[in-house]
């Protein structure tokens, strides 16, 4: 049977057969592995304010902390899956956990934000190995689709739990000591994952594996990194500066080369022929757009509460429980709904809930520190995401013939992660550009003492209004704090608006684009179980 990442596994024994040896140990080890990967992913969200204070970072530098992680996942996740099939998933999981231990150590001792980027990128490489490695290893010890669905539901639960508890870990350690302590906890969790993998699992390889697509991997990675560099740096460095323009153009050239390479590749990262299928093309587009909306909203929330309002890290964690928690709590509910309701309608409903939540966030008052205003919007976004994250894979798998399900799942997973990578980049670009423009306009007409006016202009030119917003009272330029705060509120209000529009577009595309589409699966192939074989990265 073809599973996630385009890999192949054999059919399990009949339902009445005894469980395969090592099932419980493999379930424990793989659940721990994906929990560690997701904690590494979500941990910085509650710490952006502390990064800004401790490392003197400005807007785009904070964006790179999240982007460095997600770019590494997106660029190398598929290749790691292939390496696991060829050389062993046990080795892949062990190596991935070791990379997270190294990356978290680098982050814990980072003297500058640039070193923190390196730690985040190494963590992203580790997570890129753990996501496909843990899932395919777990699938290899299940006997049949139903047992596989149950096992992967638990795996997904630990993934969602990692996203929900990581802000609490970051906030708690920041409260009692330093944000660096939370990364040392991640080192310990990664070490535990290594021990469990080595002691509880046996090596697992695919009997038939895909070949590495080296030219595709290189062109895709270079193209994506260069384009995202231009998008992140453009708002502060200037869209017409030479480095931004060159990186953007070269990135587009590499991505065009990637498409040409994939057309003739024997074992492509993307099977471009899948996009001739209207339903699959629509599900792929909404995977990118919808996940961009979700992680964009998460990033905007993190920036709003942290570097802008300078709220306590434990308070920052509260909205993230509402954003990430429903995906864990509602796992059994969504699983049942996938059996009873067409995935297309679940997906549309989820995107609509996310859109409403994001639009409500545009009404937030940046000077109001009360968290109650976040409860309804974030709960709507979180519940909407819970409905979408499994449904998007179910829709993709239903849209293709069964023999293409593996490649369809792999492609959808990568596109979904691409949306996650684009979210902070797009939100950061929109918010920081708008904030810089608004601050410049307000400062021009402000009645401030000359020494504060000149200092504020110089600091904003170097680090944007977010740097002015963080100046201690009494220092040169601090008189412009309220102007910077209002400008940032306007900028990130626009970011929430963009996220809401993206989610609404995804809802409309799903509802309209799927009209007249009939699923390829037979009644004996429940889409919920197929969807459960797809990893969820947040």
Protein backbone atom coordinates (compact mmCIF):
# COMPACT_ATOMS: atom_id res chain seq x y z
CA UNK A 1 0.00 0.00 0.00
CA UNK A 2 1.35 3.42 -0.89
CA UNK A 3 1.63 5.81 2.01
CA UNK A 4 2.70 9.31 2.80
CA UNK A 5 5.83 10.80 1.19
CA UNK A 6 5.39 8.56 -1.79
CA UNK A 7 6.92 5.58 -0.03
CA UNK A 8 5.69 2.01 -0.23
CA UNK A 9 4.78 -0.40 2.51
CA UNK A 10 3.31 -3.83 2.32
CA UNK A 11 -0.24 -4.69 3.35
CA UNK A 12 -0.52 -5.68 6.97
CA UNK A 13 -1.96 -8.98 8.12
CA UNK A 14 -5.64 -9.40 8.64
CA UNK A 15 -7.37 -7.68 11.52
CA UNK A 16 -7.44 -10.87 13.54
CA UNK A 17 -3.67 -11.33 13.52
CA UNK A 18 -1.53 -10.48 16.51
CA UNK A 19 0.12 -7.10 16.56
CA UNK A 20 3.59 -6.95 15.09
CA UNK A 21 6.50 -7.22 17.56
CA UNK A 22 7.63 -3.81 18.80
CA UNK A 23 4.32 -2.08 18.06
CA UNK A 24 3.97 -0.47 21.51
CA UNK A 25 7.62 0.56 21.65
CA UNK A 26 7.53 2.01 18.16
CA UNK A 27 4.34 3.93 18.99
CA UNK A 28 5.99 5.40 22.11
CA UNK A 29 9.23 6.31 20.32
CA UNK A 30 7.62 7.86 17.25
CA UNK A 31 5.12 9.83 19.35
CA UNK A 32 7.98 11.21 21.42
CA UNK A 33 9.91 12.08 18.25
CA UNK A 34 7.10 14.07 16.68
CA UNK A 35 6.39 15.79 20.02
CA UNK A 36 10.02 16.94 20.16
CA UNK A 37 9.92 18.16 16.55
CA UNK A 38 6.79 20.19 17.19
CA UNK A 39 8.06 21.71 20.43
CA UNK A 40 11.14 22.84 18.50
CA UNK A 41 8.85 24.35 15.88
CA UNK A 42 6.49 26.25 18.18
CA UNK A 43 8.79 27.19 21.07
CA UNK A 44 10.04 30.57 19.75
CA UNK A 45 6.45 31.89 19.38
CA UNK A 46 6.18 32.86 23.05
CA UNK A 47 9.74 34.19 23.21
CA UNK A 48 9.88 36.80 20.45
CA UNK A 49 9.50 39.64 22.96
CA UNK A 50 12.40 38.32 25.03
CA UNK A 51 14.53 37.80 21.93
CA UNK A 52 13.89 41.42 21.04
CA UNK A 53 14.87 42.65 24.51
CA UNK A 54 17.85 40.38 25.12
CA UNK A 55 19.40 40.27 21.63
CA UNK A 56 18.35 43.77 20.47
CA UNK A 57 16.61 42.43 17.38
CA UNK A 58 14.40 44.31 14.95
CA UNK A 59 11.40 43.15 12.92
CA UNK A 60 12.88 41.18 10.04
CA UNK A 61 15.41 39.53 12.34
CA UNK A 62 12.56 38.11 14.41
CA UNK A 63 10.87 36.89 11.23
CA UNK A 64 14.00 34.94 10.33
CA UNK A 65 13.89 32.94 13.57
CA UNK A 66 10.63 31.32 12.51
CA UNK A 67 11.44 31.29 8.80
CA UNK A 68 14.83 29.60 9.24
CA UNK A 69 13.11 26.65 10.88
CA UNK A 70 10.30 26.29 8.36
CA UNK A 71 12.50 26.78 5.29
CA UNK A 72 14.70 23.89 6.43
CA UNK A 73 11.63 21.68 6.92
CA UNK A 74 10.09 22.53 3.56
CA UNK A 75 13.31 22.26 1.56
CA UNK A 76 14.53 18.93 2.92
CA UNK A 77 11.52 17.06 4.35
CA UNK A 78 10.91 15.05 1.20
CA UNK A 79 14.58 14.19 0.74
CA UNK A 80 14.84 13.05 4.36
CA UNK A 81 11.83 10.79 3.78
CA UNK A 82 13.62 9.18 0.84
CA UNK A 83 16.83 8.79 2.87
CA UNK A 84 14.86 7.05 5.62
CA UNK A 85 13.38 4.62 3.11
CA UNK A 86 16.80 3.83 1.68
CA UNK A 87 19.02 3.70 4.78
CA UNK A 88 16.61 3.13 7.65
CA UNK A 89 14.05 5.19 9.54
CA UNK A 90 15.56 4.36 12.92
CA UNK A 91 18.79 5.99 11.80
CA UNK A 92 16.85 8.96 10.39
CA UNK A 93 14.89 9.56 13.62
CA UNK A 94 18.04 9.24 15.73
CA UNK A 95 19.88 11.70 13.48
CA UNK A 96 16.93 14.10 13.48
CA UNK A 97 16.71 14.12 17.28
CA UNK A 98 20.48 14.61 17.48
CA UNK A 99 20.21 17.61 15.14
CA UNK A 100 17.53 19.14 17.38
CA UNK A 101 19.77 18.60 20.41
CA UNK A 102 22.60 20.40 18.60
CA UNK A 103 20.38 23.18 17.26
CA UNK A 104 18.80 23.78 20.67
CA UNK A 105 22.23 23.92 22.29
CA UNK A 106 23.28 26.53 19.75
CA UNK A 107 20.10 28.51 20.47
CA UNK A 108 20.55 28.23 24.24
CA UNK A 109 24.04 29.77 24.17
CA UNK A 110 23.40 32.17 21.25
CA UNK A 111 25.13 35.52 21.89
CA UNK A 112 23.36 37.15 18.93
CA UNK A 113 20.27 36.73 16.82
CA UNK A 114 22.39 35.52 13.91
CA UNK A 115 23.56 32.54 15.96
CA UNK A 116 19.95 31.97 17.01
CA UNK A 117 19.04 31.71 13.29
CA UNK A 118 21.64 28.98 12.90
CA UNK A 119 20.16 27.10 15.84
CA UNK A 120 16.65 27.46 14.39
CA UNK A 121 17.80 26.20 10.97
CA UNK A 122 19.50 23.16 12.53
CA UNK A 123 16.32 22.47 14.50
CA UNK A 124 14.37 22.71 11.25
CA UNK A 125 16.64 20.13 9.64
CA UNK A 126 16.08 17.83 12.62
CA UNK A 127 12.32 18.27 12.47
CA UNK A 128 12.40 17.71 8.70
CA UNK A 129 13.90 14.30 9.44
CA UNK A 130 11.61 13.46 12.37
CA UNK A 131 8.28 14.22 10.70
CA UNK A 132 8.53 11.73 7.79
CA UNK A 133 10.78 9.27 9.61
CA UNK A 134 8.52 8.83 12.63
CA UNK A 135 5.34 8.51 10.58
CA UNK A 136 6.63 5.98 8.08
CA UNK A 137 8.22 3.90 10.84
CA UNK A 138 4.91 3.86 12.71
CA UNK A 139 2.98 2.89 9.58
CA UNK A 140 5.39 0.01 8.96
CA UNK A 141 4.41 -1.80 12.19
CA UNK A 142 0.63 -1.54 11.78
CA UNK A 143 -1.41 -4.45 10.42
CA UNK A 144 -4.21 -2.80 8.49
CA UNK A 145 -5.67 0.63 7.59
CA UNK A 146 -7.86 0.86 10.68
CA UNK A 147 -5.03 0.12 13.10
CA UNK A 148 -2.86 2.51 11.11
CA UNK A 149 -5.49 5.24 11.46
CA UNK A 150 -5.69 4.70 15.23
CA UNK A 151 -1.91 4.75 15.63
CA UNK A 152 -1.44 7.84 13.51
CA UNK A 153 -4.27 9.59 15.38
CA UNK A 154 -2.21 9.16 18.56
CA UNK A 155 0.90 10.31 16.69
CA UNK A 156 -1.02 13.39 15.54
CA UNK A 157 -2.18 13.94 19.11
CA UNK A 158 1.39 14.15 20.36
CA UNK A 159 2.22 16.50 17.50
CA UNK A 160 -0.65 18.80 18.45
CA UNK A 161 0.26 18.51 22.13
CA UNK A 162 3.78 19.67 21.32
CA UNK A 163 2.41 22.77 19.63
CA UNK A 164 0.10 23.49 22.58
CA UNK A 165 2.57 23.04 25.45
CA UNK A 166 5.68 24.61 23.90
CA UNK A 167 4.59 28.22 24.61
CA UNK A 168 3.97 27.18 28.23
CA UNK A 169 7.47 25.70 28.42
CA UNK A 170 8.97 28.88 27.00
CA UNK A 171 6.89 31.13 29.23
CA UNK A 172 7.53 29.17 32.42
CA UNK A 173 11.30 29.13 32.01
CA UNK A 174 11.39 32.76 30.98
CA UNK A 175 9.43 33.57 34.15
CA UNK A 176 11.73 31.74 36.57
CA UNK A 177 15.03 32.31 34.85
CA UNK A 178 15.86 32.89 31.21
CA UNK A 179 14.40 31.97 27.84
CA UNK A 180 17.59 29.98 27.30
CA UNK A 181 16.42 27.40 29.83
CA UNK A 182 13.55 26.36 27.57
CA UNK A 183 16.03 25.34 24.88
CA UNK A 184 17.93 23.23 27.40
CA UNK A 185 14.64 21.46 28.11
CA UNK A 186 14.40 20.79 24.39
CA UNK A 187 17.91 19.32 24.44
CA UNK A 188 16.79 16.92 27.19
CA UNK A 189 13.64 15.99 25.26
CA UNK A 190 15.71 15.29 22.14
CA UNK A 191 18.04 13.08 24.18
CA UNK A 192 15.01 11.18 25.51
CA UNK A 193 13.80 10.68 21.94
CA UNK A 194 17.18 9.22 20.96
CA UNK A 195 17.12 6.81 23.92
CA UNK A 196 13.55 5.66 23.18
CA UNK A 197 14.27 5.20 19.47
CA UNK A 198 17.44 3.20 20.05
CA UNK A 199 15.95 1.01 22.79
CA UNK A 200 12.35 0.46 21.67
CA UNK A 201 12.40 0.27 17.87
CA UNK A 202 13.84 -1.97 15.21
CA UNK A 203 15.20 -0.74 11.89
CA UNK A 204 12.63 -0.12 9.18
CA UNK A 205 13.26 0.37 5.46
CA UNK A 206 11.04 0.43 2.39
CA UNK A 207 11.20 -2.65 0.15
CA UNK A 208 10.80 -0.31 -2.81
CA UNK A 209 12.09 3.21 -2.41
CA UNK A 210 12.22 6.37 -4.46
CA UNK A 211 15.46 7.78 -5.82
CA UNK A 212 16.93 11.08 -4.69
CA UNK A 213 16.11 14.04 -6.93
CA UNK A 214 19.35 15.98 -6.40
CA UNK A 215 18.88 18.62 -9.15
CA UNK A 216 15.31 19.20 -8.02
CA UNK A 217 16.39 19.47 -4.38
CA UNK A 218 19.12 22.02 -5.16
CA UNK A 219 17.05 24.25 -7.44
CA UNK A 220 14.04 24.16 -5.10
CA UNK A 221 16.06 24.97 -1.97
CA UNK A 222 18.03 27.80 -3.58
CA UNK A 223 14.99 29.28 -5.25
CA UNK A 224 12.84 29.22 -2.11
CA UNK A 225 15.58 30.63 0.14
CA UNK A 226 16.39 33.49 -2.23
CA UNK A 227 12.76 34.47 -2.81
CA UNK A 228 11.98 34.39 0.92
CA UNK A 229 15.12 36.41 1.65
CA UNK A 230 13.85 39.13 -0.66
CA UNK A 231 10.39 39.03 0.96
CA UNK A 232 11.77 39.24 4.51
CA UNK A 233 14.39 41.92 3.90
CA UNK A 234 12.39 44.05 1.46
CA UNK A 235 10.30 45.96 4.05
CA UNK A 236 13.33 47.21 6.03
CA UNK A 237 16.17 47.26 3.50
CA UNK A 238 13.98 48.59 0.69
CA UNK A 239 12.41 46.67 -2.19
CA UNK A 240 14.63 48.41 -4.75
CA UNK A 241 17.96 47.75 -3.01
CA UNK A 242 20.36 45.62 -5.04
CA UNK A 243 20.59 42.59 -2.69
CA UNK A 244 16.79 42.34 -2.41
CA UNK A 245 16.20 42.69 -6.15
CA UNK A 246 18.98 40.26 -7.10
CA UNK A 247 17.90 37.61 -4.60
CA UNK A 248 14.29 37.88 -5.74
CA UNK A 249 15.15 37.57 -9.43
CA UNK A 250 17.68 34.77 -8.94
CA UNK A 251 15.20 32.93 -6.73
CA UNK A 252 12.56 33.07 -9.45
CA UNK A 253 15.11 31.80 -11.98
CA UNK A 254 15.98 28.84 -9.75
CA UNK A 255 12.30 28.06 -9.16
CA UNK A 256 11.68 28.15 -12.91
CA UNK A 257 14.65 25.80 -13.28
CA UNK A 258 13.10 23.55 -10.64
CA UNK A 259 9.91 23.24 -12.70
CA UNK A 260 11.94 22.34 -15.81
CA UNK A 261 13.97 19.78 -13.84
CA UNK A 262 10.85 18.16 -12.39
CA UNK A 263 9.26 17.72 -15.82
CA UNK A 264 12.03 15.37 -16.89
CA UNK A 265 12.96 13.85 -13.52
CA UNK A 266 12.68 10.08 -13.11
CA UNK A 267 11.80 10.45 -9.42
CA UNK A 268 10.55 14.03 -8.95
CA UNK A 269 9.93 15.86 -5.70
CA UNK A 270 6.70 17.12 -7.28
CA UNK A 271 4.84 15.09 -9.85
CA UNK A 272 3.64 18.06 -11.89
CA UNK A 273 1.18 15.92 -13.84
CA UNK A 274 -0.97 15.75 -10.69
CA UNK A 275 -1.82 19.41 -11.16
CA UNK A 276 -3.70 18.60 -14.38
CA UNK A 277 -6.36 17.24 -12.04
CA UNK A 278 -8.57 20.23 -11.18
CA UNK A 279 -9.57 18.94 -7.75
CA UNK A 280 -5.98 18.24 -6.76
CA UNK A 281 -4.82 21.62 -8.07
CA UNK A 282 -7.51 23.34 -6.00
CA UNK A 283 -6.68 21.36 -2.84
CA UNK A 284 -2.98 22.18 -3.34
CA UNK A 285 -3.67 25.89 -3.74
CA UNK A 286 -5.84 26.05 -0.62
CA UNK A 287 -3.25 24.06 1.35
CA UNK A 288 -0.73 26.84 0.70
CA UNK A 289 -3.13 29.76 1.11
CA UNK A 290 -4.98 28.41 4.15
CA UNK A 291 -1.88 27.39 6.08
CA UNK A 292 -0.30 30.74 5.24
CA UNK A 293 -3.33 32.33 6.92
CA UNK A 294 -3.02 30.17 10.03
CA UNK A 295 0.69 30.50 10.75
CA UNK A 296 0.57 34.12 9.65
CA UNK A 297 -2.07 34.75 12.32
CA UNK A 298 0.04 32.86 14.89
CA UNK A 299 3.11 34.93 14.02
CA UNK A 300 1.15 38.20 14.14
CA UNK A 301 -0.22 37.22 17.57
CA UNK A 302 3.28 36.44 18.82
CA UNK A 303 4.62 39.77 17.59
CA UNK A 304 1.60 41.70 18.93
CA UNK A 305 1.91 40.31 22.46
CA UNK A 306 5.71 40.05 22.60
CA UNK A 307 7.88 42.68 20.91
CA UNK A 308 5.03 45.21 20.58
CA UNK A 309 3.14 45.02 23.89
CA UNK A 310 6.00 43.38 25.86
CA UNK A 311 3.61 41.09 27.71
CA UNK A 312 4.79 38.45 30.17
CA UNK A 313 5.75 35.22 28.30
CA UNK A 314 3.26 33.17 30.33
CA UNK A 315 0.50 35.54 29.25
CA UNK A 316 1.70 35.20 25.66
CA UNK A 317 1.22 31.44 26.00
CA UNK A 318 -2.51 31.75 26.77
CA UNK A 319 -3.69 32.75 23.26
CA UNK A 320 -1.52 30.01 21.80
CA UNK A 321 -3.40 27.42 23.83
CA UNK A 322 -6.53 28.63 22.02
CA UNK A 323 -4.79 28.64 18.63
CA UNK A 324 -3.06 25.27 18.92
CA UNK A 325 -5.07 23.41 21.56
CA UNK A 326 -8.21 22.63 19.50
CA UNK A 327 -6.19 20.61 16.99
CA UNK A 328 -5.34 18.26 19.88
CA UNK A 329 -8.63 18.31 21.78
CA UNK A 330 -10.79 17.85 18.69
CA UNK A 331 -8.87 14.93 17.15
CA UNK A 332 -11.62 12.34 17.91
CA UNK A 333 -14.35 14.76 16.81
CA UNK A 334 -12.67 15.56 13.49
CA UNK A 335 -11.96 11.87 12.90
CA UNK A 336 -15.67 11.05 13.28
CA UNK A 337 -16.70 14.00 11.12
CA UNK A 338 -14.41 12.81 8.32
CA UNK A 339 -16.42 9.57 8.27
CA UNK A 340 -19.76 11.37 8.15
CA UNK A 341 -19.23 14.68 6.35
CA UNK A 342 -17.59 15.32 2.97
CA UNK A 343 -14.03 16.59 3.62
CA UNK A 344 -14.67 19.46 1.18
CA UNK A 345 -17.35 20.90 3.47
CA UNK A 346 -15.22 20.45 6.57
CA UNK A 347 -12.38 22.22 4.81
CA UNK A 348 -14.60 25.09 3.67
CA UNK A 349 -16.10 25.46 7.15
CA UNK A 350 -12.66 25.47 8.76
CA UNK A 351 -11.35 28.18 6.47
CA UNK A 352 -14.45 30.30 7.10
CA UNK A 353 -13.98 30.05 10.87
CA UNK A 354 -10.34 31.04 10.46
CA UNK A 355 -11.33 34.00 8.29
CA UNK A 356 -13.85 35.27 10.86
CA UNK A 357 -11.29 34.92 13.66
CA UNK A 358 -8.65 36.84 11.71
CA UNK A 359 -11.11 39.60 10.79
CA UNK A 360 -12.05 39.96 14.47
CA UNK A 361 -8.34 40.35 15.29
CA UNK A 362 -8.22 43.46 13.12
CA UNK A 363 -10.37 45.16 15.79
CA UNK A 364 -7.81 44.62 18.57
CA UNK A 365 -6.51 47.72 20.36
CA UNK A 366 -2.72 47.70 20.54
CA UNK A 367 -2.75 49.73 23.76
CA UNK A 368 -5.08 47.26 25.53
CA UNK A 369 -3.17 44.58 27.43
CA UNK A 370 -6.28 42.60 28.39
CA UNK A 371 -6.12 39.09 26.88
CA UNK A 372 -9.88 38.60 26.88
CA UNK A 373 -10.11 40.28 23.49
CA UNK A 374 -8.16 37.35 22.02
CA UNK A 375 -10.41 34.59 23.33
CA UNK A 376 -13.12 34.49 20.67
CA UNK A 377 -10.92 35.27 17.63
CA UNK A 378 -8.20 32.81 18.57
CA UNK A 379 -10.68 30.08 19.47
CA UNK A 380 -12.34 30.48 16.05
CA UNK A 381 -8.96 30.31 14.31
CA UNK A 382 -7.93 27.28 16.38
CA UNK A 383 -11.16 25.35 15.76
CA UNK A 384 -11.04 26.28 12.07
CA UNK A 385 -7.50 25.00 11.82
CA UNK A 386 -8.46 21.76 13.56
CA UNK A 387 -11.12 21.17 10.89
CA UNK A 388 -8.76 22.06 8.03
CA UNK A 389 -5.53 20.33 8.85
CA UNK A 390 -6.73 16.75 8.26
CA UNK A 391 -9.43 17.64 5.74
CA UNK A 392 -6.99 19.20 3.29
CA UNK A 393 -5.16 15.88 2.93
CA UNK A 394 -8.42 13.95 2.72
CA UNK A 395 -9.60 16.21 -0.11
CA UNK A 396 -6.29 15.77 -1.97
CA UNK A 397 -6.35 11.98 -1.61
CA UNK A 398 -9.99 11.77 -2.68
CA UNK A 399 -9.18 13.72 -5.84
CA UNK A 400 -6.70 11.23 -7.34
CA UNK A 401 -6.78 7.52 -8.25
CA UNK A 402 -5.58 5.19 -5.46
CA UNK A 403 -2.27 4.38 -7.16
CA UNK A 404 -1.31 8.11 -6.97
CA UNK A 405 -2.31 8.54 -3.32
CA UNK A 406 1.26 8.36 -2.00
CA UNK A 407 2.59 11.09 -4.26
CA UNK A 408 -0.56 13.18 -3.69
CA UNK A 409 -0.10 12.95 0.08
CA UNK A 410 3.60 13.81 -0.15
CA UNK A 411 2.93 16.79 -2.42
CA UNK A 412 0.10 18.09 -0.23
CA UNK A 413 2.25 17.81 2.89
CA UNK A 414 5.05 19.79 1.27
CA UNK A 415 2.69 22.47 -0.03
CA UNK A 416 1.06 22.74 3.38
CA UNK A 417 4.47 23.24 4.97
CA UNK A 418 5.26 25.80 2.26
CA UNK A 419 2.18 27.72 3.41
CA UNK A 420 3.49 27.54 6.98
CA UNK A 421 6.84 28.92 5.80
CA UNK A 422 5.22 31.73 3.83
CA UNK A 423 2.92 32.83 6.69
CA UNK A 424 5.47 34.68 8.86
CA UNK A 425 7.23 36.05 5.77
CA UNK A 426 4.10 37.53 4.21
CA UNK A 427 2.78 38.80 7.55
CA UNK A 428 6.14 40.32 8.45
CA UNK A 429 6.47 42.01 5.07
CA UNK A 430 2.96 43.48 5.17
CA UNK A 431 3.03 44.54 8.82
CA UNK A 432 6.52 46.02 8.91
CA UNK A 433 6.11 47.88 5.61
CA UNK A 434 2.82 49.40 6.77
CA UNK A 435 4.23 50.21 10.22
CA UNK A 436 7.32 51.90 8.79
CA UNK A 437 5.21 54.02 6.46
CA UNK A 438 2.74 54.97 9.18
CA UNK A 439 5.49 55.83 11.67
CA UNK A 440 7.33 58.00 9.16
CA UNK A 441 4.13 59.87 8.39
CA UNK A 442 3.22 60.37 12.07
CA UNK A 443 6.75 61.40 13.00
CA UNK A 444 6.82 64.09 10.32
CA UNK A 445 3.94 65.94 11.96
CA UNK A 446 4.82 65.19 15.58
CA UNK A 447 5.56 67.92 18.10
CA UNK A 448 8.57 66.32 19.74
CA UNK A 449 11.77 67.82 21.17
CA UNK A 450 14.46 68.05 18.50
CA UNK A 451 16.79 65.58 20.25
CA UNK A 452 14.03 62.96 20.46
CA UNK A 453 12.87 63.59 16.90
CA UNK A 454 16.32 63.10 15.40
CA UNK A 455 17.07 60.06 17.55
CA UNK A 456 13.73 58.44 16.68
CA UNK A 457 14.36 58.96 12.96
CA UNK A 458 17.82 57.42 13.22
CA UNK A 459 16.70 54.43 15.28
CA UNK A 460 13.72 53.80 12.99
CA UNK A 461 15.97 53.95 9.93
CA UNK A 462 18.17 51.28 11.51
CA UNK A 463 15.63 48.96 13.16
CA UNK A 464 12.15 50.18 12.22
CA UNK A 465 9.40 51.39 14.56
CA UNK A 466 9.70 48.18 16.58
CA UNK A 467 13.11 49.41 17.78
CA UNK A 468 11.67 52.80 18.78
CA UNK A 469 8.81 51.04 20.58
CA UNK A 470 11.32 49.18 22.73
CA UNK A 471 13.39 52.16 23.88
CA UNK A 472 13.57 52.56 27.69
CA UNK A 473 11.81 55.67 29.02
CA UNK A 474 14.03 58.74 29.12
CA UNK A 475 16.44 57.62 26.40
CA UNK A 476 16.78 59.72 23.23
CA UNK A 477 13.93 58.88 20.87
CA UNK A 478 11.69 57.35 23.55
CA UNK A 479 9.27 60.27 23.30
CA UNK A 480 8.14 58.73 20.00
CA UNK A 481 7.10 55.49 21.72
CA UNK A 482 3.36 56.08 21.39
CA UNK A 483 3.73 56.93 17.70
CA UNK A 484 5.68 53.70 17.13
CA UNK A 485 3.12 51.67 19.09
CA UNK A 486 0.23 53.05 17.04
CA UNK A 487 2.12 52.43 13.79
CA UNK A 488 2.85 48.83 14.76
CA UNK A 489 -0.77 48.30 15.74
CA UNK A 490 -1.81 49.57 12.32
CA UNK A 491 0.75 47.39 10.56
CA UNK A 492 -0.14 44.15 12.32
CA UNK A 493 -3.83 44.97 12.08
CA UNK A 494 -3.27 44.92 8.32
CA UNK A 495 -1.46 41.61 8.72
CA UNK A 496 -4.49 40.05 10.43
CA UNK A 497 -6.62 41.44 7.59
CA UNK A 498 -4.38 39.75 4.99
CA UNK A 499 -4.64 36.47 6.92
CA UNK A 500 -8.43 36.78 7.00
CA UNK A 501 -8.59 37.47 3.28
CA UNK A 502 -6.31 34.49 2.58
CA UNK A 503 -8.53 32.17 4.66
CA UNK A 504 -11.67 33.51 2.96
CA UNK A 505 -10.11 32.99 -0.48
CA UNK A 506 -9.20 29.43 0.50
CA UNK A 507 -12.83 28.82 1.59
CA UNK A 508 -14.25 30.17 -1.69
CA UNK A 509 -11.73 28.24 -3.79
CA UNK A 510 -12.61 25.02 -1.95
CA UNK A 511 -16.38 25.48 -2.23
CA UNK A 512 -16.38 26.61 -5.87
CA UNK A 513 -13.42 24.64 -7.19
CA UNK A 514 -14.77 21.31 -5.97
CA UNK A 515 -18.21 21.65 -7.58
CA UNK A 516 -18.95 18.55 -9.62
CA UNK A 517 -15.89 16.65 -8.35
CA UNK A 518 -16.48 13.03 -7.38
CA UNK A 519 -13.99 11.20 -5.13
CA UNK A 520 -11.84 8.50 -6.73
CA UNK A 521 -11.90 6.27 -3.67
CA UNK A 522 -14.31 3.41 -3.40
CA UNK A 523 -16.72 3.10 -0.46
CA UNK A 524 -14.35 0.57 1.09
CA UNK A 525 -11.60 3.21 1.27
CA UNK A 526 -12.56 5.61 4.08
CA UNK A 527 -10.98 8.98 3.53
CA UNK A 528 -10.52 9.60 7.24
CA UNK A 529 -8.13 6.71 7.46
CA UNK A 530 -6.29 7.89 4.38
CA UNK A 531 -6.08 11.37 5.82
CA UNK A 532 -4.68 10.01 9.05
CA UNK A 533 -1.59 8.79 7.23
CA UNK A 534 -0.56 12.36 6.45
CA UNK A 535 1.67 14.26 8.85
CA UNK A 536 0.55 17.55 10.31
CA UNK A 537 3.20 20.22 10.86
CA UNK A 538 2.21 23.48 12.51
